[in-house]
All heavy atoms as atom14 arrays in JSON, in Angstrom:
{
  "sequence": "LLNGELPSAGELAGFNHTISRHTMVHEQLSKFFSGFRRDAHPMAVM",
  "atom14_mask": [
    [1, 1, 1, 1, 1, 1, 1, 1, 0, 0, 0, 0, 0, 0],
    [1, 1, 1, 1, 1, 1, 1, 1, 0, 0, 0, 0, 0, 0],
    [1, 1, 1, 1, 1, 1, 1, 1, 0, 0, 0, 0, 0, 0],
    [1, 1, 1, 1, 0, 0, 0, 0, 0, 0, 0, 0, 0, 0],
    [1, 1, 1, 1, 1, 1, 1, 1, 1, 0, 0, 0, 0, 0],
    [1, 1, 1, 1, 1, 1, 1, 1, 0, 0, 0, 0, 0, 0],
    [1, 1, 1, 1, 1, 1, 1, 0, 0, 0, 0, 0, 0, 0],
    [1, 1, 1, 1, 1, 1, 0, 0, 0, 0, 0, 0, 0, 0],
    [1, 1, 1, 1, 1, 0, 0, 0, 0, 0, 0, 0, 0, 0],
    [1, 1, 1, 1, 0, 0, 0, 0, 0, 0, 0, 0, 0, 0],
    [1, 1, 1, 1, 1, 1, 1, 1, 1, 0, 0, 0, 0, 0],
    [1, 1, 1, 1, 1, 1, 1, 1, 0, 0, 0, 0, 0, 0],
    [1, 1, 1, 1, 1, 0, 0, 0, 0, 0, 0, 0, 0, 0],
    [1, 1, 1, 1, 0, 0, 0, 0, 0, 0, 0, 0, 0, 0],
    [1, 1, 1, 1, 1, 1, 1, 1, 1, 1, 1, 0, 0, 0],
    [1, 1, 1, 1, 1, 1, 1, 1, 0, 0, 0, 0, 0, 0],
    [1, 1, 1, 1, 1, 1, 1, 1, 1, 1, 0, 0, 0, 0],
    [1, 1, 1, 1, 1, 1, 1, 0, 0, 0, 0, 0, 0, 0],
    [1, 1, 1, 1, 1, 1, 1, 1, 0, 0, 0, 0, 0, 0],
    [1, 1, 1, 1, 1, 1, 0, 0, 0, 0, 0, 0, 0, 0],
    [1, 1, 1, 1, 1, 1, 1, 1, 1, 1, 1, 0, 0, 0],
    [1, 1, 1, 1, 1, 1, 1, 1, 1, 1, 0, 0, 0, 0],
    [1, 1, 1, 1, 1, 1, 1, 0, 0, 0, 0, 0, 0, 0],
    [1, 1, 1, 1, 1, 1, 1, 1, 0, 0, 0, 0, 0, 0],
    [1, 1, 1, 1, 1, 1, 1, 0, 0, 0, 0, 0, 0, 0],
    [1, 1, 1, 1, 1, 1, 1, 1, 1, 1, 0, 0, 0, 0],
    [1, 1, 1, 1, 1, 1, 1, 1, 1, 0, 0, 0, 0, 0],
    [1, 1, 1, 1, 1, 1, 1, 1, 1, 0, 0, 0, 0, 0],
    [1, 1, 1, 1, 1, 1, 1, 1, 0, 0, 0, 0, 0, 0],
    [1, 1, 1, 1, 1, 1, 0, 0, 0, 0, 0, 0, 0, 0],
    [1, 1, 1, 1, 1, 1, 1, 1, 1, 0, 0, 0, 0, 0],
    [1, 1, 1, 1, 1, 1, 1, 1, 1, 1, 1, 0, 0, 0],
    [1, 1, 1, 1, 1, 1, 1, 1, 1, 1, 1, 0, 0, 0],
    [1, 1, 1, 1, 1, 1, 0, 0, 0, 0, 0, 0, 0, 0],
    [1, 1, 1, 1, 0, 0, 0, 0, 0, 0, 0, 0, 0, 0],
    [1, 1, 1, 1, 1, 1, 1, 1, 1, 1, 1, 0, 0, 0],
    [1, 1, 1, 1, 1, 1, 1, 1, 1, 1, 1, 0, 0, 0],
    [1, 1, 1, 1, 1, 1, 1, 1, 1, 1, 1, 0, 0, 0],
    [1, 1, 1, 1, 1, 1, 1, 1, 0, 0, 0, 0, 0, 0],
    [1, 1, 1, 1, 1, 0, 0, 0, 0, 0, 0, 0, 0, 0],
    [1, 1, 1, 1, 1, 1, 1, 1, 1, 1, 0, 0, 0, 0],
    [1, 1, 1, 1, 1, 1, 1, 0, 0, 0, 0, 0, 0, 0],
    [1, 1, 1, 1, 1, 1, 1, 1, 0, 0, 0, 0, 0, 0],
    [1, 1, 1, 1, 1, 0, 0, 0, 0, 0, 0, 0, 0, 0],
    [1, 1, 1, 1, 1, 1, 1, 0, 0, 0, 0, 0, 0, 0],
    [1, 1, 1, 1, 1, 1, 1, 1, 0, 0, 0, 0, 0, 0]
  ],
  "atom14_positions": [
    [[-96.38, 24.34, -130.37], [-95.09, 24.86, -129.93], [-95.22, 26.22, -129.26], [-94.55, 26.51, -128.27], [-94.12, 24.94, -131.11], [-93.6, 23.59, -131.65], [-92.83, 23.79, -132.95], [-92.72, 22.88, -130.62], [0.0, 0.0, 0.0], [0.0, 0.0, 0.0], [0.0, 0.0, 0.0], [0.0, 0.0, 0.0], [0.0, 0.0, 0.0], [0.0, 0.0, 0.0]],
    [[-96.09, 27.06, -129.79], [-96.25, 28.4, -129.24], [-97.03, 28.43, -127.94], [-96.74, 29.24, -127.05], [-96.95, 29.3, -130.26], [-96.17, 29.67, -131.54], [-97.06, 30.43, -132.51], [-94.92, 30.48, -131.21], [0.0, 0.0, 0.0], [0.0, 0.0, 0.0], [0.0, 0.0, 0.0], [0.0, 0.0, 0.0], [0.0, 0.0, 0.0], [0.0, 0.0, 0.0]],
    [[-98.03, 27.53, -127.8], [-98.97, 27.62, -126.68], [-98.91, 26.46, -125.69], [-99.54, 26.52, -124.64], [-100.4, 27.75, -127.23], [-100.59, 29.0, -128.07], [-100.62, 30.11, -127.57], [-100.69, 28.83, -129.39], [0.0, 0.0, 0.0], [0.0, 0.0, 0.0], [0.0, 0.0, 0.0], [0.0, 0.0, 0.0], [0.0, 0.0, 0.0], [0.0, 0.0, 0.0]],
    [[-98.22, 25.4, -126.02], [-98.03, 24.31, -125.07], [-99.0, 23.16, -125.19], [-98.75, 22.08, -124.68], [0.0, 0.0, 0.0], [0.0, 0.0, 0.0], [0.0, 0.0, 0.0], [0.0, 0.0, 0.0], [0.0, 0.0, 0.0], [0.0, 0.0, 0.0], [0.0, 0.0, 0.0], [0.0, 0.0, 0.0], [0.0, 0.0, 0.0], [0.0, 0.0, 0.0]],
    [[-100.15, 23.37, -125.86], [-101.15, 22.32, -126.02], [-101.66, 22.31, -127.45], [-101.61, 23.32, -128.15], [-102.34, 22.54, -125.06], [-101.97, 22.49, -123.57], [-101.55, 21.11, -123.09], [-101.86, 20.12, -123.79], [-100.92, 21.02, -122.01], [0.0, 0.0, 0.0], [0.0, 0.0, 0.0], [0.0, 0.0, 0.0], [0.0, 0.0, 0.0], [0.0, 0.0, 0.0]],
    [[-102.17, 21.15, -127.88], [-102.81, 21.07, -129.18], [-104.1, 21.88, -129.17], [-104.79, 21.92, -128.16], [-103.11, 19.62, -129.55], [-101.91, 18.74, -129.93], [-102.33, 17.27, -130.0], [-101.31, 19.18, -131.26], [0.0, 0.0, 0.0], [0.0, 0.0, 0.0], [0.0, 0.0, 0.0], [0.0, 0.0, 0.0], [0.0, 0.0, 0.0], [0.0, 0.0, 0.0]],
    [[-104.43, 22.53, -130.27], [-105.61, 23.39, -130.28], [-106.91, 22.6, -130.45], [-106.92, 21.51, -131.04], [-105.38, 24.27, -131.51], [-104.58, 23.38, -132.45], [-103.69, 22.54, -131.55], [0.0, 0.0, 0.0], [0.0, 0.0, 0.0], [0.0, 0.0, 0.0], [0.0, 0.0, 0.0], [0.0, 0.0, 0.0], [0.0, 0.0, 0.0], [0.0, 0.0, 0.0]],
    [[-108.0, 23.16, -129.94], [-109.32, 22.64, -130.28], [-109.64, 23.08, -131.71], [-108.9, 23.87, -132.31], [-110.37, 23.22, -129.32], [-110.48, 24.63, -129.49], [0.0, 0.0, 0.0], [0.0, 0.0, 0.0], [0.0, 0.0, 0.0], [0.0, 0.0, 0.0], [0.0, 0.0, 0.0], [0.0, 0.0, 0.0], [0.0, 0.0, 0.0], [0.0, 0.0, 0.0]],
    [[-110.74, 22.58, -132.26], [-111.12, 22.96, -133.61], [-111.3, 24.47, -133.73], [-110.85, 25.09, -134.71], [-112.4, 22.23, -134.03], [0.0, 0.0, 0.0], [0.0, 0.0, 0.0], [0.0, 0.0, 0.0], [0.0, 0.0, 0.0], [0.0, 0.0, 0.0], [0.0, 0.0, 0.0], [0.0, 0.0, 0.0], [0.0, 0.0, 0.0], [0.0, 0.0, 0.0]],
    [[-111.95, 25.07, -132.73], [-112.16, 26.51, -132.74], [-110.87, 27.29, -132.61], [-110.67, 28.31, -133.29], [0.0, 0.0, 0.0], [0.0, 0.0, 0.0], [0.0, 0.0, 0.0], [0.0, 0.0, 0.0], [0.0, 0.0, 0.0], [0.0, 0.0, 0.0], [0.0, 0.0, 0.0], [0.0, 0.0, 0.0], [0.0, 0.0, 0.0], [0.0, 0.0, 0.0]],
    [[-109.96, 26.82, -131.74], [-108.67, 27.49, -131.56], [-107.82, 27.41, -132.82], [-107.16, 28.38, -133.2], [-107.93, 26.87, -130.37], [-108.53, 27.23, -129.02], [-107.97, 26.39, -127.89], [-107.49, 25.25, -128.14], [-108.04, 26.85, -126.73], [0.0, 0.0, 0.0], [0.0, 0.0, 0.0], [0.0, 0.0, 0.0], [0.0, 0.0, 0.0], [0.0, 0.0, 0.0]],
    [[-107.87, 26.25, -133.49], [-107.1, 26.09, -134.72], [-107.65, 26.99, -135.82], [-106.87, 27.63, -136.55], [-107.13, 24.63, -135.19], [-106.34, 24.32, -136.47], [-104.86, 24.68, -136.3], [-106.49, 22.85, -136.87], [0.0, 0.0, 0.0], [0.0, 0.0, 0.0], [0.0, 0.0, 0.0], [0.0, 0.0, 0.0], [0.0, 0.0, 0.0], [0.0, 0.0, 0.0]],
    [[-108.96, 27.07, -135.92], [-109.58, 27.95, -136.93], [-109.19, 29.4, -136.68], [-108.87, 30.15, -137.62], [-111.1, 27.79, -136.91], [0.0, 0.0, 0.0], [0.0, 0.0, 0.0], [0.0, 0.0, 0.0], [0.0, 0.0, 0.0], [0.0, 0.0, 0.0], [0.0, 0.0, 0.0], [0.0, 0.0, 0.0], [0.0, 0.0, 0.0], [0.0, 0.0, 0.0]],
    [[-109.21, 29.82, -135.42], [-108.81, 31.18, -135.07], [-107.35, 31.45, -135.38], [-106.99, 32.52, -135.88], [0.0, 0.0, 0.0], [0.0, 0.0, 0.0], [0.0, 0.0, 0.0], [0.0, 0.0, 0.0], [0.0, 0.0, 0.0], [0.0, 0.0, 0.0], [0.0, 0.0, 0.0], [0.0, 0.0, 0.0], [0.0, 0.0, 0.0], [0.0, 0.0, 0.0]],
    [[-106.49, 30.45, -135.09], [-105.06, 30.59, -135.36], [-104.8, 30.67, -136.86], [-104.03, 31.52, -137.32], [-104.31, 29.4, -134.75], [-102.81, 29.48, -134.87], [-102.08, 30.41, -134.15], [-102.13, 28.6, -135.71], [-100.69, 30.48, -134.26], [-100.74, 28.66, -135.81], [-100.03, 29.6, -135.1], [0.0, 0.0, 0.0], [0.0, 0.0, 0.0], [0.0, 0.0, 0.0]],
    [[-105.46, 29.8, -137.63], [-105.32, 29.84, -139.09], [-105.74, 31.21, -139.64], [-105.08, 31.77, -140.52], [-106.17, 28.75, -139.73], [-105.46, 27.41, -139.79], [-104.26, 27.35, -140.05], [-106.19, 26.32, -139.58], [0.0, 0.0, 0.0], [0.0, 0.0, 0.0], [0.0, 0.0, 0.0], [0.0, 0.0, 0.0], [0.0, 0.0, 0.0], [0.0, 0.0, 0.0]],
    [[-106.84, 31.73, -139.11], [-107.34, 33.04, -139.54], [-106.31, 34.13, -139.26], [-106.04, 34.98, -140.12], [-108.66, 33.35, -138.84], [-109.23, 34.7, -139.19], [-109.97, 34.91, -140.34], [-109.15, 35.91, -138.56], [-110.32, 36.2, -140.38], [-109.85, 36.82, -139.32], [0.0, 0.0, 0.0], [0.0, 0.0, 0.0], [0.0, 0.0, 0.0], [0.0, 0.0, 0.0]],
    [[-105.72, 34.1, -138.06], [-104.72, 35.1, -137.69], [-103.51, 35.04, -138.6], [-103.03, 36.06, -139.1], [-104.29, 34.9, -136.22], [-105.42, 35.05, -135.36], [-103.23, 35.91, -135.83], [0.0, 0.0, 0.0], [0.0, 0.0, 0.0], [0.0, 0.0, 0.0], [0.0, 0.0, 0.0], [0.0, 0.0, 0.0], [0.0, 0.0, 0.0], [0.0, 0.0, 0.0]],
    [[-102.98, 33.83, -138.8], [-101.79, 33.67, -139.64], [-102.08, 34.12, -141.07], [-101.27, 34.82, -141.7], [-101.28, 32.21, -139.63], [-100.83, 31.81, -138.21], [-100.14, 32.02, -140.62], [-99.72, 32.64, -137.63], [0.0, 0.0, 0.0], [0.0, 0.0, 0.0], [0.0, 0.0, 0.0], [0.0, 0.0, 0.0], [0.0, 0.0, 0.0], [0.0, 0.0, 0.0]],
    [[-103.25, 33.76, -141.6], [-103.57, 34.12, -142.98], [-103.7, 35.63, -143.17], [-103.54, 36.13, -144.29], [-104.86, 33.41, -143.42], [-105.99, 33.91, -142.72], [0.0, 0.0, 0.0], [0.0, 0.0, 0.0], [0.0, 0.0, 0.0], [0.0, 0.0, 0.0], [0.0, 0.0, 0.0], [0.0, 0.0, 0.0], [0.0, 0.0, 0.0], [0.0, 0.0, 0.0]],
    [[-104.0, 36.35, -142.1], [-104.13, 37.81, -142.21], [-102.79, 38.52, -142.11], [-102.72, 39.75, -142.18], [-105.09, 38.34, -141.14], [-106.55, 37.9, -141.34], [-107.07, 38.25, -142.73], [-108.41, 37.84, -143.04], [-108.76, 36.65, -143.53], [-107.82, 35.71, -143.72], [-110.0, 36.35, -143.8], [0.0, 0.0, 0.0], [0.0, 0.0, 0.0], [0.0, 0.0, 0.0]],
    [[-101.73, 37.78, -141.93], [-100.38, 38.36, -141.87], [-99.48, 37.9, -143.0], [-98.27, 38.14, -142.97], [-99.72, 38.01, -140.53], [-100.23, 38.77, -139.35], [-100.09, 40.14, -139.23], [-100.86, 38.36, -138.22], [-100.61, 40.53, -138.07], [-101.1, 39.48, -137.45], [0.0, 0.0, 0.0], [0.0, 0.0, 0.0], [0.0, 0.0, 0.0], [0.0, 0.0, 0.0]],
    [[-100.02, 37.23, -144.02], [-99.18, 36.61, -145.04], [-98.55, 37.62, -146.0], [-97.49, 37.36, -146.57], [-99.98, 35.58, -145.87], [-101.18, 36.21, -146.35], [-100.35, 34.37, -145.01], [0.0, 0.0, 0.0], [0.0, 0.0, 0.0], [0.0, 0.0, 0.0], [0.0, 0.0, 0.0], [0.0, 0.0, 0.0], [0.0, 0.0, 0.0], [0.0, 0.0, 0.0]],
    [[-99.2, 38.75, -146.22], [-98.63, 39.76, -147.11], [-97.48, 40.49, -146.43], [-97.43, 40.59, -145.21], [-99.7, 40.75, -147.56], [-100.78, 40.15, -148.45], [-102.01, 41.35, -148.97], [-101.03, 42.43, -150.02], [0.0, 0.0, 0.0], [0.0, 0.0, 0.0], [0.0, 0.0, 0.0], [0.0, 0.0, 0.0], [0.0, 0.0, 0.0], [0.0, 0.0, 0.0]],
    [[-96.57, 41.0, -147.25], [-95.48, 41.83, -146.73], [-95.67, 43.26, -147.24], [-96.36, 43.49, -148.24], [-94.09, 41.3, -147.14], [-93.84, 39.93, -146.52], [-93.94, 41.24, -148.66], [0.0, 0.0, 0.0], [0.0, 0.0, 0.0], [0.0, 0.0, 0.0], [0.0, 0.0, 0.0], [0.0, 0.0, 0.0], [0.0, 0.0, 0.0], [0.0, 0.0, 0.0]],
    [[-95.07, 44.19, -146.55], [-95.14, 45.6, -146.96], [-94.67, 45.72, -148.41], [-93.63, 45.16, -148.79], [-94.26, 46.44, -146.03], [-94.53, 47.9, -146.07], [-94.2, 48.67, -147.17], [-95.11, 48.74, -145.17], [-94.55, 49.92, -146.93], [-95.11, 49.99, -145.72], [0.0, 0.0, 0.0], [0.0, 0.0, 0.0], [0.0, 0.0, 0.0], [0.0, 0.0, 0.0]],
    [[-95.44, 46.42, -149.22], [-95.11, 46.51, -150.64], [-93.72, 47.1, -150.87], [-93.03, 46.73, -151.83], [-96.18, 47.36, -151.36], [-96.12, 47.29, -152.87], [-96.44, 45.9, -153.44], [-97.01, 45.06, -152.7], [-96.12, 45.66, -154.62], [0.0, 0.0, 0.0], [0.0, 0.0, 0.0], [0.0, 0.0, 0.0], [0.0, 0.0, 0.0], [0.0, 0.0, 0.0]],
    [[-93.29, 47.99, -150.01], [-91.97, 48.59, -150.15], [-90.87, 47.55, -149.99], [-89.76, 47.72, -150.53], [-91.79, 49.71, -149.11], [-90.61, 50.66, -149.37], [-90.78, 51.52, -150.6], [-91.9, 51.76, -151.04], [-89.69, 51.99, -151.19], [0.0, 0.0, 0.0], [0.0, 0.0, 0.0], [0.0, 0.0, 0.0], [0.0, 0.0, 0.0], [0.0, 0.0, 0.0]],
    [[-91.19, 46.47, -149.26], [-90.2, 45.42, -149.04], [-89.8, 44.75, -150.35], [-88.66, 44.28, -150.48], [-90.75, 44.38, -148.06], [-89.73, 43.41, -147.44], [-88.81, 44.15, -146.49], [-90.45, 42.29, -146.69], [0.0, 0.0, 0.0], [0.0, 0.0, 0.0], [0.0, 0.0, 0.0], [0.0, 0.0, 0.0], [0.0, 0.0, 0.0], [0.0, 0.0, 0.0]],
    [[-90.7, 44.71, -151.31], [-90.39, 44.09, -152.6], [-89.25, 44.8, -153.31], [-88.53, 44.2, -154.13], [-91.63, 44.05, -153.5], [-92.07, 45.34, -153.81], [0.0, 0.0, 0.0], [0.0, 0.0, 0.0], [0.0, 0.0, 0.0], [0.0, 0.0, 0.0], [0.0, 0.0, 0.0], [0.0, 0.0, 0.0], [0.0, 0.0, 0.0], [0.0, 0.0, 0.0]],
    [[-89.07, 46.09, -152.99], [-87.98, 46.85, -153.61], [-86.61, 46.34, -153.15], [-85.62, 46.55, -153.84], [-88.11, 48.34, -153.26], [-89.45, 48.98, -153.67], [-89.52, 49.26, -155.12], [-90.64, 50.2, -155.53], [-91.94, 49.83, -155.12], [0.0, 0.0, 0.0], [0.0, 0.0, 0.0], [0.0, 0.0, 0.0], [0.0, 0.0, 0.0], [0.0, 0.0, 0.0]],
    [[-86.55, 45.71, -151.98], [-85.29, 45.19, -151.47], [-84.68, 44.19, -152.45], [-83.46, 44.14, -152.62], [-85.51, 44.5, -150.12], [-85.36, 45.41, -148.94], [-86.11, 46.57, -148.84], [-84.48, 45.12, -147.92], [-85.98, 47.4, -147.76], [-84.33, 45.96, -146.83], [-85.09, 47.11, -146.75], [0.0, 0.0, 0.0], [0.0, 0.0, 0.0], [0.0, 0.0, 0.0]],
    [[-85.54, 43.37, -153.04], [-85.05, 42.28, -153.88], [-84.27, 42.78, -155.08], [-83.29, 42.14, -155.5], [-86.22, 41.38, -154.31], [-86.8, 40.59, -153.18], [-87.73, 41.13, -152.32], [-86.4, 39.28, -152.97], [-88.27, 40.39, -151.28], [-86.92, 38.54, -151.92], [-87.85, 39.09, -151.08], [0.0, 0.0, 0.0], [0.0, 0.0, 0.0], [0.0, 0.0, 0.0]],
    [[-84.66, 43.91, -155.65], [-83.97, 44.43, -156.83], [-82.54, 44.87, -156.52], [-81.74, 45.08, -157.43], [-84.76, 45.6, -157.44], [-84.89, 46.65, -156.5], [0.0, 0.0, 0.0], [0.0, 0.0, 0.0], [0.0, 0.0, 0.0], [0.0, 0.0, 0.0], [0.0, 0.0, 0.0], [0.0, 0.0, 0.0], [0.0, 0.0, 0.0], [0.0, 0.0, 0.0]],
    [[-82.21, 45.0, -155.23], [-80.84, 45.34, -154.85], [-79.89, 44.17, -154.85], [-78.67, 44.34, -154.76], [0.0, 0.0, 0.0], [0.0, 0.0, 0.0], [0.0, 0.0, 0.0], [0.0, 0.0, 0.0], [0.0, 0.0, 0.0], [0.0, 0.0, 0.0], [0.0, 0.0, 0.0], [0.0, 0.0, 0.0], [0.0, 0.0, 0.0], [0.0, 0.0, 0.0]],
    [[-80.43, 42.94, -154.97], [-79.6, 41.74, -155.02], [-79.33, 41.34, -156.47], [-80.15, 41.58, -157.36], [-80.29, 40.57, -154.32], [-80.43, 40.71, -152.84], [-81.6, 41.2, -152.28], [-79.4, 40.35, -151.99], [-81.74, 41.33, -150.91], [-79.53, 40.48, -150.62], [-80.7, 40.97, -150.08], [0.0, 0.0, 0.0], [0.0, 0.0, 0.0], [0.0, 0.0, 0.0]],
    [[-78.18, 40.75, -156.71], [-77.93, 40.14, -158.01], [-78.92, 39.01, -158.25], [-79.36, 38.35, -157.3], [-76.5, 39.6, -158.08], [-75.43, 40.65, -158.19], [-74.04, 40.09, -158.03], [-73.8, 38.85, -158.8], [-72.68, 38.54, -159.41], [-71.69, 39.42, -159.4], [-72.52, 37.4, -160.04], [0.0, 0.0, 0.0], [0.0, 0.0, 0.0], [0.0, 0.0, 0.0]],
    [[-79.24, 38.78, -159.51], [-80.19, 37.7, -159.84], [-79.66, 36.33, -159.44], [-80.43, 35.42, -159.15], [-80.5, 37.71, -161.34], [-81.4, 38.85, -161.78], [-82.84, 38.61, -161.42], [-83.7, 39.71, -161.86], [-85.02, 39.77, -161.63], [-85.62, 38.8, -160.99], [-85.72, 40.8, -162.06], [0.0, 0.0, 0.0], [0.0, 0.0, 0.0], [0.0, 0.0, 0.0]],
    [[-78.35, 36.17, -159.44], [-77.76, 34.89, -159.09], [-77.38, 34.79, -157.62], [-76.66, 33.87, -157.22], [-76.55, 34.57, -159.98], [-75.44, 35.61, -159.84], [-75.65, 36.65, -159.16], [-74.35, 35.39, -160.4], [0.0, 0.0, 0.0], [0.0, 0.0, 0.0], [0.0, 0.0, 0.0], [0.0, 0.0, 0.0], [0.0, 0.0, 0.0], [0.0, 0.0, 0.0]],
    [[-77.84, 35.74, -156.8], [-77.56, 35.69, -155.36], [-78.18, 34.44, -154.76], [-79.28, 34.03, -155.13], [-78.11, 36.93, -154.67], [0.0, 0.0, 0.0], [0.0, 0.0, 0.0], [0.0, 0.0, 0.0], [0.0, 0.0, 0.0], [0.0, 0.0, 0.0], [0.0, 0.0, 0.0], [0.0, 0.0, 0.0], [0.0, 0.0, 0.0], [0.0, 0.0, 0.0]],
    [[-77.47, 33.83, -153.82], [-78.01, 32.67, -153.14], [-79.26, 33.09, -152.36], [-79.24, 34.1, -151.67], [-76.97, 32.07, -152.18], [-77.29, 30.67, -151.75], [-78.34, 30.37, -150.9], [-76.73, 29.48, -152.06], [-78.4, 29.06, -150.7], [-77.42, 28.5, -151.4], [0.0, 0.0, 0.0], [0.0, 0.0, 0.0], [0.0, 0.0, 0.0], [0.0, 0.0, 0.0]],
    [[-80.34, 32.33, -152.49], [-81.58, 32.72, -151.79], [-81.43, 32.84, -150.28], [-82.17, 33.59, -149.64], [-82.58, 31.62, -152.17], [-81.82, 30.58, -152.85], [-80.55, 31.13, -153.33], [0.0, 0.0, 0.0], [0.0, 0.0, 0.0], [0.0, 0.0, 0.0], [0.0, 0.0, 0.0], [0.0, 0.0, 0.0], [0.0, 0.0, 0.0], [0.0, 0.0, 0.0]],
    [[-80.47, 32.15, -149.68], [-80.24, 32.31, -148.23], [-79.66, 33.68, -147.91], [-79.95, 34.25, -146.86], [-79.34, 31.2, -147.71], [-80.05, 29.87, -147.51], [-81.34, 29.91, -146.24], [-80.35, 29.8, -144.74], [0.0, 0.0, 0.0], [0.0, 0.0, 0.0], [0.0, 0.0, 0.0], [0.0, 0.0, 0.0], [0.0, 0.0, 0.0], [0.0, 0.0, 0.0]],
    [[-78.85, 34.22, -148.83], [-78.34, 35.58, -148.65], [-79.5, 36.58, -148.66], [-79.54, 37.52, -147.86], [-77.33, 35.92, -149.75], [0.0, 0.0, 0.0], [0.0, 0.0, 0.0], [0.0, 0.0, 0.0], [0.0, 0.0, 0.0], [0.0, 0.0, 0.0], [0.0, 0.0, 0.0], [0.0, 0.0, 0.0], [0.0, 0.0, 0.0], [0.0, 0.0, 0.0]],
    [[-80.44, 36.34, -149.56], [-81.62, 37.19, -149.65], [-82.46, 37.06, -148.38], [-82.93, 38.05, -147.82], [-82.46, 36.82, -150.89], [-83.74, 37.64, -150.93], [-81.64, 37.02, -152.17], [0.0, 0.0, 0.0], [0.0, 0.0, 0.0], [0.0, 0.0, 0.0], [0.0, 0.0, 0.0], [0.0, 0.0, 0.0], [0.0, 0.0, 0.0], [0.0, 0.0, 0.0]],
    [[-82.64, 35.84, -147.9], [-83.44, 35.59, -146.7], [-82.86, 36.3, -145.48], [-83.58, 36.92, -144.7], [-83.53, 34.09, -146.42], [-84.35, 33.3, -147.41], [-86.11, 33.64, -147.35], [-86.56, 32.95, -145.75], [0.0, 0.0, 0.0], [0.0, 0.0, 0.0], [0.0, 0.0, 0.0], [0.0, 0.0, 0.0], [0.0, 0.0, 0.0], [0.0, 0.0, 0.0]]
  ]
}
C-alpha cells in the first residue's frame, strides 16, 4: 500500500526491521493514560 509493489525478500526484511525499531512510544506518553478514567472507552483514549 505504501510503495505500490509487493516487496522482495530483502525489501520485506528491511521494512520489518524499520517498523520494529519504531514500536516503542515516548515514556512520557504513558503518563497520558493516567488522565483518563479507568472505564473510559478505549476509542476515546486512542
